Protein backbone atom coordinates (compact mmCIF):
# COMPACT_ATOMS: atom_id res chain seq x y z
CA UNK A 1 0.00 0.00 0.00
CA UNK A 2 1.40 3.39 -0.96
CA UNK A 3 2.18 6.12 1.52
CA UNK A 4 -0.52 8.47 0.19
CA UNK A 5 -3.15 5.73 0.27
CA UNK A 6 -2.21 4.89 3.84
CA UNK A 7 -2.45 8.51 4.97
CA UNK A 8 -5.91 8.90 3.44
CA UNK A 9 -7.40 6.12 5.58
CA UNK A 10 -7.28 8.09 8.84
CA UNK A 11 -6.84 11.73 7.90
CA UNK A 12 -7.94 14.96 9.57
CA UNK A 13 -11.28 16.30 8.26
CA UNK A 14 -11.98 13.15 6.28
CA UNK A 15 -14.58 10.66 7.46
CA UNK A 16 -12.84 7.67 9.06
CA UNK A 17 -13.56 4.45 7.18
CA UNK A 18 -12.70 2.01 9.96
CA UNK A 19 -14.88 1.00 12.86
CA UNK A 20 -14.27 -1.94 15.17
CA UNK A 21 -12.59 -3.95 12.40
CA UNK A 22 -8.87 -4.55 13.15
CA UNK A 23 -6.60 -1.78 11.88
CA UNK A 24 -4.04 -3.31 9.46
CA UNK A 25 -0.38 -2.73 10.26
CA UNK A 26 0.10 -0.83 7.01
CA UNK A 27 -2.49 1.74 8.08
CA UNK A 28 -1.18 2.39 11.57
CA UNK A 29 0.43 5.70 12.41
CA UNK A 30 1.04 8.23 15.17
CA UNK A 31 2.97 8.10 18.42
CA UNK A 32 2.36 7.84 22.15
CA UNK A 33 2.49 11.66 22.39
CA UNK A 34 -0.90 11.75 20.66
CA UNK A 35 -2.37 10.07 23.74
CA UNK A 36 -1.01 12.78 26.02
CA UNK A 37 -2.93 15.47 24.15
CA UNK A 38 -6.04 13.31 23.84
CA UNK A 39 -6.36 12.69 27.59
CA UNK A 40 -5.03 16.11 28.58
CA UNK A 41 -7.49 17.96 26.36
CA UNK A 42 -10.53 15.80 27.05
CA UNK A 43 -10.09 16.23 30.82
CA UNK A 44 -9.78 20.02 30.78
CA UNK A 45 -13.39 20.07 31.86
CA UNK A 46 -15.09 22.08 34.59
CA UNK A 47 -16.37 18.83 36.10
CA UNK A 48 -13.11 18.45 38.02
CA UNK A 49 -13.55 21.91 39.56
CA UNK A 50 -16.96 20.77 40.78
CA UNK A 51 -15.48 17.53 42.13
CA UNK A 52 -12.78 19.38 44.05
CA UNK A 53 -15.38 21.67 45.61
CA UNK A 54 -17.51 18.67 46.58
CA UNK A 55 -14.58 17.13 48.48
CA UNK A 56 -14.54 20.23 50.70
CA UNK A 57 -18.33 20.07 51.04
CA UNK A 58 -17.97 16.51 52.36
CA UNK A 59 -15.96 17.93 55.27
CA UNK A 60 -12.35 17.62 54.09
CA UNK A 61 -9.79 20.37 54.69
CA UNK A 62 -7.83 21.94 51.85
CA UNK A 63 -4.89 19.55 52.19
CA UNK A 64 -7.08 16.49 52.69
CA UNK A 65 -9.18 17.33 49.63
CA UNK A 66 -6.04 18.01 47.60
CA UNK A 67 -4.68 14.58 48.55
CA UNK A 68 -7.90 12.98 47.29
CA UNK A 69 -7.64 14.95 44.03
CA UNK A 70 -4.05 13.77 43.48
CA UNK A 71 -4.89 10.13 44.22
CA UNK A 72 -7.83 10.39 41.85
CA UNK A 73 -5.50 11.71 39.16
CA UNK A 74 -3.18 8.72 39.61
CA UNK A 75 -6.04 6.46 38.51
CA UNK A 76 -5.29 7.58 34.94
CA UNK A 77 -2.33 5.20 34.99
CA UNK A 78 -4.83 2.32 35.11
CA UNK A 79 -7.01 3.97 32.45
CA UNK A 80 -4.05 4.51 30.14
CA UNK A 81 -2.75 0.97 30.71
CA UNK A 82 -6.15 -0.35 29.65
CA UNK A 83 -5.33 0.93 26.18
CA UNK A 84 -2.33 -1.39 25.78
CA UNK A 85 -4.57 -4.13 24.43
CA UNK A 86 -5.58 -1.86 21.57
CA UNK A 87 -2.10 -1.74 20.08
CA UNK A 88 -1.89 -5.55 20.08
CA UNK A 89 -5.35 -6.17 18.55
CA UNK A 90 -6.06 -3.03 16.52
CA UNK A 91 -9.64 -2.93 17.76
CA UNK A 92 -11.90 -1.26 20.34
CA UNK A 93 -11.94 -1.94 24.09
CA UNK A 94 -15.44 -3.45 24.10
CA UNK A 95 -14.39 -5.95 21.44
CA UNK A 96 -11.34 -6.96 23.46
CA UNK A 97 -13.45 -7.50 26.59
CA UNK A 98 -15.10 -10.45 24.79
CA UNK A 99 -12.01 -12.40 25.89
CA UNK A 100 -12.94 -11.90 29.54
CA UNK A 101 -16.72 -12.30 29.37
CA UNK A 102 -17.44 -14.22 26.17
CA UNK A 103 -19.11 -12.81 23.07
CA UNK A 104 -22.63 -12.95 24.52
CA UNK A 105 -21.54 -12.30 28.09
CA UNK A 106 -19.99 -9.05 26.88
CA UNK A 107 -23.30 -7.77 25.49
CA UNK A 108 -24.97 -6.42 28.69
CA UNK A 109 -21.91 -4.35 29.60
CA UNK A 110 -21.88 -3.04 26.03
CA UNK A 111 -25.45 -1.83 26.36
CA UNK A 112 -24.81 -0.18 29.73
CA UNK A 113 -21.61 1.43 28.49
CA UNK A 114 -23.48 3.00 25.59
CA UNK A 115 -26.05 4.34 28.07
CA UNK A 116 -23.27 5.76 30.28
CA UNK A 117 -21.46 7.32 27.29
CA UNK A 118 -24.64 9.01 26.11
CA UNK A 119 -25.56 10.01 29.66
CA UNK A 120 -22.26 11.79 30.25
CA UNK A 121 -22.43 13.36 26.79
CA UNK A 122 -25.86 14.76 27.68
CA UNK A 123 -24.58 16.11 31.00
CA UNK A 124 -21.60 17.79 29.32
CA UNK A 125 -23.82 19.16 26.55
CA UNK A 126 -26.18 20.69 29.11
CA UNK A 127 -23.31 22.27 31.07
CA UNK A 128 -21.82 23.72 27.88
CA UNK A 129 -25.21 24.96 26.69
CA UNK A 130 -25.99 26.75 29.95
CA UNK A 131 -22.54 28.39 29.96
CA UNK A 132 -23.00 29.56 26.37
CA UNK A 133 -26.51 30.81 27.17
CA UNK A 134 -25.14 32.99 29.98
CA UNK A 135 -22.37 34.17 27.65
CA UNK A 136 -24.97 35.24 25.09
CA UNK A 137 -26.89 37.12 27.78
CA UNK A 138 -23.79 38.91 29.06
CA UNK A 139 -22.88 40.22 25.62
CA UNK A 140 -26.51 41.19 25.00
CA UNK A 141 -26.98 38.96 21.96
CA UNK A 142 -29.68 36.42 22.84
CA UNK A 143 -31.72 35.61 25.92
CA UNK A 144 -34.55 33.39 27.08
CA UNK A 145 -35.68 30.30 25.21
CA UNK A 146 -34.20 31.48 21.90
CA UNK A 147 -30.76 31.95 23.45
CA UNK A 148 -30.86 28.52 25.06
CA UNK A 149 -31.95 26.88 21.80
CA UNK A 150 -29.13 28.53 19.83
CA UNK A 151 -26.62 27.62 22.55
CA UNK A 152 -27.73 23.98 22.43
CA UNK A 153 -27.48 23.88 18.64
CA UNK A 154 -23.95 25.32 18.69
CA UNK A 155 -22.79 22.92 21.41
CA UNK A 156 -24.21 19.87 19.63
CA UNK A 157 -22.77 20.95 16.27
CA UNK A 158 -19.26 21.39 17.66
CA UNK A 159 -19.35 17.97 19.31
CA UNK A 160 -20.99 16.01 16.48
CA UNK A 161 -18.88 17.41 13.64
CA UNK A 162 -15.58 16.38 15.22
CA UNK A 163 -16.78 12.97 16.42
CA UNK A 164 -18.39 12.16 13.06
CA UNK A 165 -15.16 12.78 11.11
CA UNK A 166 -13.47 10.22 13.32
CA UNK A 167 -10.22 9.24 14.96
CA UNK A 168 -7.71 11.57 13.28
CA UNK A 169 -9.96 14.62 13.61
CA UNK A 170 -10.72 13.78 17.24
CA UNK A 171 -7.01 13.72 18.06
CA UNK A 172 -6.37 16.91 16.07
CA UNK A 173 -9.22 18.77 17.78
CA UNK A 174 -8.27 17.59 21.27
CA UNK A 175 -4.68 18.77 20.78
CA UNK A 176 -5.53 22.26 19.52
CA UNK A 177 -8.39 22.79 21.95
CA UNK A 178 -6.02 21.69 24.73
CA UNK A 179 -3.65 24.55 23.85
CA UNK A 180 -6.44 27.10 24.19
CA UNK A 181 -8.13 25.58 27.24
CA UNK A 182 -4.84 25.06 29.09
CA UNK A 183 -3.97 28.73 28.62
CA UNK A 184 -7.42 29.83 29.76
CA UNK A 185 -7.61 27.54 32.78
CA UNK A 186 -4.04 28.58 33.64
CA UNK A 187 -5.26 32.17 33.97
CA UNK A 188 -8.18 30.90 36.07
CA UNK A 189 -5.70 29.27 38.46
CA UNK A 190 -3.78 32.55 38.76
CA UNK A 191 -6.96 34.25 39.98
CA UNK A 192 -8.21 31.47 42.26
CA UNK A 193 -5.13 29.99 43.95
CA UNK A 194 -3.64 33.12 45.63
CA UNK A 195 -6.73 33.60 47.80
CA UNK A 196 -6.77 30.01 49.04
CA UNK A 197 -7.27 29.63 52.78
CA UNK A 198 -5.14 26.54 53.37
CA UNK A 199 -5.45 26.90 57.14
CA UNK A 200 -9.25 26.95 57.15
CA UNK A 201 -10.58 24.13 59.33
CA UNK A 202 -12.80 21.49 57.78
CA UNK A 203 -16.51 22.29 57.94
CA UNK A 204 -17.00 19.15 60.00
CA UNK A 205 -15.05 16.03 60.78
CA UNK A 206 -15.37 14.11 57.49
CA UNK A 207 -15.25 10.66 59.04
CA UNK A 208 -15.16 7.54 56.92
CA UNK A 209 -18.29 8.64 55.09
CA UNK A 210 -16.81 11.96 53.94
CA UNK A 211 -13.55 10.39 52.83
CA UNK A 212 -15.25 7.59 50.89
CA UNK A 213 -17.72 9.92 49.17
CA UNK A 214 -14.88 12.23 48.14
CA UNK A 215 -12.99 9.29 46.59
CA UNK A 216 -16.11 8.02 44.80
CA UNK A 217 -16.75 11.46 43.28
CA UNK A 218 -13.11 11.86 42.26
CA UNK A 219 -12.68 8.36 40.80
CA UNK A 220 -16.07 7.84 39.15
CA UNK A 221 -15.09 10.01 36.17
CA UNK A 222 -11.83 8.19 35.35
CA UNK A 223 -13.52 4.80 35.90
CA UNK A 224 -16.16 5.72 33.31
CA UNK A 225 -13.33 5.82 30.71
CA UNK A 226 -12.34 2.17 31.25
CA UNK A 227 -14.43 0.82 28.32
CA UNK A 228 -12.76 3.14 25.77
CA UNK A 229 -8.90 3.55 26.00
CA UNK A 230 -8.15 1.00 23.24
CA UNK A 231 -10.42 3.00 20.91
CA UNK A 232 -7.60 5.56 20.76
CA UNK A 233 -4.54 3.26 20.74
CA UNK A 234 -5.69 0.90 18.00
CA UNK A 235 -4.09 3.00 15.25
CA UNK A 236 -0.64 3.14 16.86
CA UNK A 237 2.14 1.05 15.24
CA UNK A 238 2.85 -2.25 16.98
CA UNK A 239 6.41 -1.08 17.61
CA UNK A 240 5.20 1.72 19.91
CA UNK A 241 6.58 1.28 23.42
CA UNK A 242 3.93 0.00 25.84
CA UNK A 243 5.63 1.97 28.61
CA UNK A 244 5.39 5.21 26.64
CA UNK A 245 1.70 4.57 25.91
CA UNK A 246 0.96 4.15 29.61
CA UNK A 247 2.95 7.18 30.71
CA UNK A 248 1.83 9.60 28.03
CA UNK A 249 -1.88 8.92 28.47
CA UNK A 250 -1.62 8.87 32.27
CA UNK A 251 0.29 12.15 32.46
CA UNK A 252 -2.24 13.86 30.21
CA UNK A 253 -5.22 12.87 32.33
CA UNK A 254 -3.35 13.41 35.61
CA UNK A 255 -2.17 16.96 34.89
CA UNK A 256 -5.50 18.34 33.71
CA UNK A 257 -7.70 16.59 36.30
CA UNK A 258 -5.43 17.49 39.24
CA UNK A 259 -4.95 21.13 38.22
CA UNK A 260 -8.69 21.72 37.88
CA UNK A 261 -9.53 19.61 40.94
CA UNK A 262 -7.18 21.71 43.09
CA UNK A 263 -8.78 24.84 41.62
CA UNK A 264 -12.15 23.57 42.86
CA UNK A 265 -10.75 22.83 46.31
CA UNK A 266 -9.16 26.29 46.49
CA UNK A 267 -12.35 28.02 45.35
CA UNK A 268 -14.39 26.16 47.98
CA UNK A 269 -12.22 27.64 50.76
CA UNK A 270 -13.12 31.16 49.56
CA UNK A 271 -16.74 31.17 48.43
CA UNK A 272 -19.97 29.20 48.30
CA UNK A 273 -19.60 26.59 45.53
CA UNK A 274 -23.13 25.17 45.73
CA UNK A 275 -23.56 26.61 42.24
CA UNK A 276 -20.02 25.88 41.08
CA UNK A 277 -20.10 28.02 37.92
CA UNK A 278 -21.49 31.06 39.77
CA UNK A 279 -19.16 30.49 42.71
CA UNK A 280 -16.03 30.31 40.57
CA UNK A 281 -17.19 33.27 38.50
CA UNK A 282 -17.49 35.41 41.66
CA UNK A 283 -13.73 35.02 42.22
CA UNK A 284 -12.84 36.36 38.79
CA UNK A 285 -12.52 39.93 37.50
CA UNK A 286 -15.36 41.13 35.31
CA UNK A 287 -13.34 41.19 32.11
CA UNK A 288 -12.46 37.49 32.47
CA UNK A 289 -15.94 36.19 33.25
CA UNK A 290 -17.10 35.85 29.60
CA UNK A 291 -13.86 34.01 28.81
CA UNK A 292 -14.48 31.76 31.81
CA UNK A 293 -17.88 30.78 30.39
CA UNK A 294 -16.19 30.01 27.08
CA UNK A 295 -13.76 27.74 28.97
CA UNK A 296 -16.68 25.86 30.55
CA UNK A 297 -18.20 25.38 27.08
CA UNK A 298 -14.89 24.27 25.54
CA UNK A 299 -14.20 21.76 28.30
CA UNK A 300 -17.67 20.29 27.93
CA UNK A 301 -17.17 19.87 24.19
CA UNK A 302 -13.72 18.25 24.43
CA UNK A 303 -15.04 15.68 26.89
CA UNK A 304 -18.20 15.00 24.88
CA UNK A 305 -16.22 14.42 21.69
CA UNK A 306 -14.43 11.31 22.95
CA UNK A 307 -17.51 9.83 24.64
CA UNK A 308 -19.65 10.38 21.54
CA UNK A 309 -16.97 8.92 19.26
CA UNK A 310 -16.59 5.80 21.42
CA UNK A 311 -20.36 5.39 21.57
CA UNK A 312 -20.43 4.87 17.79
CA UNK A 313 -17.91 2.03 18.08
CA UNK A 314 -19.98 0.70 20.97
CA UNK A 315 -23.05 0.44 18.73
CA UNK A 316 -21.06 -1.63 16.24
CA UNK A 317 -20.01 -3.96 19.08
CA UNK A 318 -23.71 -4.40 19.88
CA UNK A 319 -24.29 -5.57 16.33
CA UNK A 320 -25.71 -2.55 14.49
CA UNK A 321 -24.76 -3.28 10.86
CA UNK A 322 -23.82 0.30 10.02
CA UNK A 323 -20.55 2.08 9.48
CA UNK A 324 -19.15 4.03 12.42
CA UNK A 325 -20.00 7.37 10.80
CA UNK A 326 -23.63 6.29 10.32
CA UNK A 327 -23.96 4.72 13.76
CA UNK A 328 -22.89 7.96 15.41
CA UNK A 329 -26.06 9.60 14.09
CA UNK A 330 -28.04 7.41 16.52
CA UNK A 331 -25.90 8.52 19.44
CA UNK A 332 -26.10 12.16 18.39
CA UNK A 333 -29.88 11.96 18.03
CA UNK A 334 -30.36 10.45 21.49
CA UNK A 335 -27.95 13.04 22.94
CA UNK A 336 -29.99 15.85 21.38
CA UNK A 337 -33.27 14.49 22.74
CA UNK A 338 -31.78 13.92 26.19
CA UNK A 339 -30.29 17.41 26.24
CA UNK A 340 -33.64 18.95 25.32
CA UNK A 341 -35.29 17.07 28.17
CA UNK A 342 -32.55 18.09 30.61
CA UNK A 343 -32.77 21.76 29.64
CA UNK A 344 -36.54 22.03 29.81
CA UNK A 345 -37.41 19.38 32.43
CA UNK A 346 -35.33 20.30 35.47
CA UNK A 347 -35.95 17.04 37.31
CA UNK A 348 -34.51 15.09 34.38
CA UNK A 349 -30.95 16.30 35.00
CA UNK A 350 -31.04 15.32 38.67
CA UNK A 351 -32.48 11.91 37.84
CA UNK A 352 -29.90 11.33 35.10
CA UNK A 353 -26.98 12.19 37.38
CA UNK A 354 -28.34 9.90 40.10
CA UNK A 355 -28.73 7.09 37.58
CA UNK A 356 -25.21 7.53 36.20
CA UNK A 357 -23.72 7.53 39.70
CA UNK A 358 -25.53 4.27 40.43
CA UNK A 359 -23.99 2.56 37.38
CA UNK A 360 -20.58 2.56 39.10
CA UNK A 361 -21.95 -0.63 40.70
CA UNK A 362 -21.50 -2.26 37.29
CA UNK A 363 -18.50 -0.48 35.84
CA UNK A 364 -16.12 -0.68 38.76
CA UNK A 365 -16.39 -4.52 38.82
CA UNK A 366 -16.35 -4.66 35.00
CA UNK A 367 -13.10 -2.70 34.97
CA UNK A 368 -11.60 -5.00 37.59
CA UNK A 369 -12.27 -8.09 35.46
CA UNK A 370 -11.07 -6.46 32.25
CA UNK A 371 -7.78 -5.26 33.77
CA UNK A 372 -7.17 -8.61 35.51
CA UNK A 373 -7.74 -10.46 32.22
CA UNK A 374 -5.40 -8.10 30.39
CA UNK A 375 -2.67 -8.60 33.00
CA UNK A 376 -3.02 -12.37 32.98
CA UNK A 377 -2.75 -12.44 29.19
CA UNK A 378 -0.01 -9.78 29.16
CA UNK A 379 -2.06 -8.04 26.47
CA UNK A 380 -1.78 -11.02 24.10
CA UNK A 381 -5.06 -11.82 22.33
CA UNK A 382 -6.11 -13.75 19.25
CA UNK A 383 -7.29 -10.72 17.29
CA UNK A 384 -9.14 -12.82 14.69
CA UNK A 385 -10.99 -14.80 17.37
CA UNK A 386 -12.32 -11.59 18.91
CA UNK A 387 -14.36 -11.05 15.74
CA UNK A 388 -15.10 -14.71 14.91
CA UNK A 389 -18.26 -15.17 16.99
CA UNK A 390 -19.18 -18.78 17.70
CA UNK A 391 -16.25 -20.00 15.59
CA UNK A 392 -13.66 -18.24 17.75
CA UNK A 393 -11.79 -19.13 20.92
CA UNK A 394 -13.66 -16.53 22.94
CA UNK A 395 -17.09 -18.07 22.45
CA UNK A 396 -16.46 -20.38 25.43
CA UNK A 397 -19.71 -22.15 26.41
CA UNK A 398 -22.73 -20.80 24.52
CA UNK A 399 -21.04 -17.40 24.25
CA UNK A 400 -20.41 -16.92 27.98
CA UNK A 401 -17.15 -17.14 29.94
CA UNK A 402 -18.24 -18.45 33.33
CA UNK A 403 -15.15 -17.14 35.16
CA UNK A 404 -15.66 -13.60 33.87
CA UNK A 405 -19.39 -13.58 34.60
CA UNK A 406 -18.88 -15.02 38.10
CA UNK A 407 -16.18 -12.48 38.92
CA UNK A 408 -18.31 -9.63 37.61
CA UNK A 409 -21.33 -10.70 39.67
CA UNK A 410 -19.24 -11.05 42.82
CA UNK A 411 -17.86 -7.54 42.40
CA UNK A 412 -21.33 -6.16 41.65
CA UNK A 413 -22.72 -7.83 44.78
CA UNK A 414 -20.03 -6.23 46.93
CA UNK A 415 -20.54 -2.83 45.27
CA UNK A 416 -24.33 -2.99 45.71
CA UNK A 417 -23.99 -3.89 49.39
CA UNK A 418 -21.67 -0.94 50.07
CA UNK A 419 -23.11 1.72 47.71
CA UNK A 420 -24.43 5.00 49.10
CA UNK A 421 -26.26 6.90 46.35
CA UNK A 422 -29.52 8.81 46.04
CA UNK A 423 -31.24 5.89 44.32
CA UNK A 424 -29.82 3.05 46.41
CA UNK A 425 -28.17 2.63 49.78
CA UNK A 426 -26.59 -0.74 50.46
CA UNK A 427 -27.32 -2.58 53.72
CA UNK A 428 -23.65 -2.48 54.76
CA UNK A 429 -23.31 1.31 54.51
CA UNK A 430 -24.70 2.00 58.00
CA UNK A 431 -22.62 -0.70 59.77
CA UNK A 432 -19.53 0.73 57.99
CA UNK A 433 -20.17 4.18 59.47
CA UNK A 434 -21.66 5.59 56.26
CA UNK A 435 -18.70 4.59 54.08
CA UNK A 436 -19.30 4.12 50.36
CA UNK A 437 -16.98 1.32 49.21
CA UNK A 438 -18.49 0.90 45.74
CA UNK A 439 -15.17 1.32 43.95
CA UNK A 440 -13.66 -1.62 45.83
CA UNK A 441 -15.99 -3.79 43.78
CA UNK A 442 -13.27 -3.59 41.12
CA UNK A 443 -10.75 -5.15 43.50
CA UNK A 444 -13.18 -7.91 44.50
CA UNK A 445 -14.02 -8.78 40.89
CA UNK A 446 -10.39 -8.61 39.75
CA UNK A 447 -9.15 -10.92 42.52
CA UNK A 448 -12.03 -13.33 41.93
CA UNK A 449 -11.21 -13.51 38.23
CA UNK A 450 -7.53 -14.07 38.98
CA UNK A 451 -8.37 -16.89 41.40
CA UNK A 452 -10.65 -18.60 38.85
CA UNK A 453 -8.38 -18.30 35.79
CA UNK A 454 -4.74 -18.05 36.89
CA UNK A 455 -4.06 -21.74 36.15
CA UNK A 456 -5.95 -21.76 32.86
CA UNK A 457 -4.94 -18.48 31.28
CA UNK A 458 -2.35 -20.20 29.04
CA UNK A 459 -5.23 -22.04 27.36
CA UNK A 460 -6.71 -18.67 26.37
CA UNK A 461 -3.55 -17.42 24.71
CA UNK A 462 -3.51 -17.55 20.88
CA UNK A 463 -1.27 -20.06 19.18
CA UNK A 464 2.09 -18.77 18.03
C-alpha cells in the first residue's frame, strides 16, 4: 500500500472508514504523544472543579481534599494501561473484553456502556449549553428560550462534527483545543489559587463517610473511561513502546484533572460553591468572566467528543450493521433528545446524574475483570478470534465465559452492598459508618477472576 493511500485512511477532516474492524499494520500511524494530548485535552473540563469543591463540602480540609484529588488523578495510569490491548489487537476496548466475558456475556456491559457514554455526553452538553446561554446574555446577543436553543445547537454541532469525522480529527481537535483551554484555565488558576485559605478548618469532621464519598466522586469520572482507551490506541504502530503509551496517556489525564480539581478545592475555601459556575465566576474579575464561560463550554465539548466517538464504536459492538459514521447519528440523536429534556425538564438532569452515579456498581467490577484479564494475558489476544463469533476461541460455552461472569457478579454484589447513592443505599453502609466502598468492587471482581483463571490463562492465549 502506498504512503498516500495509507495517509488517506485516517486523515484529519476526512470521514474515518474504519470501525471496530482490526486496523491493518500498514495503516497504523502516530505516536504515544498523541495520547497525552487526547487525555489532557478531554479532561480540561469544569467537572473536576466541581469535584474538588464537593470534596470540601464533604468535610475535608484543603490539604485532605487536595490529597484525594491527586490520588484520583493517579487512577489515569490504570485507564491509560487499559489501552495497551488496543495496540496488540487493533480494535476497540469493548471488542477486546469479549475475551474476559465471552461474546454474549460481553453484550450487557456493552449496552450499559453505551447508556453511560450518552448520559455523560448529555450532561456535558447541558453544562456547555448553559454556559454559552449565559455568555450570550452577558454580551446582550440572545436571551430566554431562543438563546438557550441557539446555545444547544452550537454545542451539539461542535461535538458532532468532530466525532463524526473520526479518529484523526478527534485527536487533532483535542490537541488544539487543549492549547487554548490550558492557557485559559491557567489564567483561572492565577486568579483562584492566591486567595486560598489553606489553614481553614474542615466544615465538620469528614469521618469515613466523607472520605469515601470524596474518593467516589473523584474516581467515578476516570472509571467511566475504562471501556474506551483502546479505541484511541488501535491506530498506533505495533512497535510503539507500551511503557510510553501508559505514561503519556496517564500524564495527560493526571495533569488536567489534578490542576482543575485543586482549583475547585481552592475556590471552595473562599466562596460558596453550591452553584459551582457562579461560585467560581465570583472570584474572577469582570473582564475574564465571559472568557471563563467560554472555557466551561470548551471543556464540555472536548469531553463530549471522545464519549460520543466511542459510543459509535460501541453500537457496532452491539451488532448494528452500520458504518461508524452512520452509527454515530443514533448517538447524536439520542444526545440531542436527552439534552432537550434536561434543559426544559429540570428534574430530568437530577435523575440522570443519580442514575449515572448508580452505574458505578456495574463499571467498577467490569473494569476489575477487564484489567485482571489483560494482565493475565499480558495483552496477548487472538485478534481474529475476537471477531469470529461462535467460531472463535472466545465463544467459550454458549457465548459466555463463566469465570468472567462469576467475577463480575461477585464484584457487583459487593458494590451494591456498600453503595451510598440517592437511588440506592446498600445494607452495609450503616454498619460501615456511612462509608461508600463501591469502587472496591473492582478489587473484588479482579481478585475473583484471577483466582478462577490463573491456572488456565495459558489455554486462552492464541497459538504462536
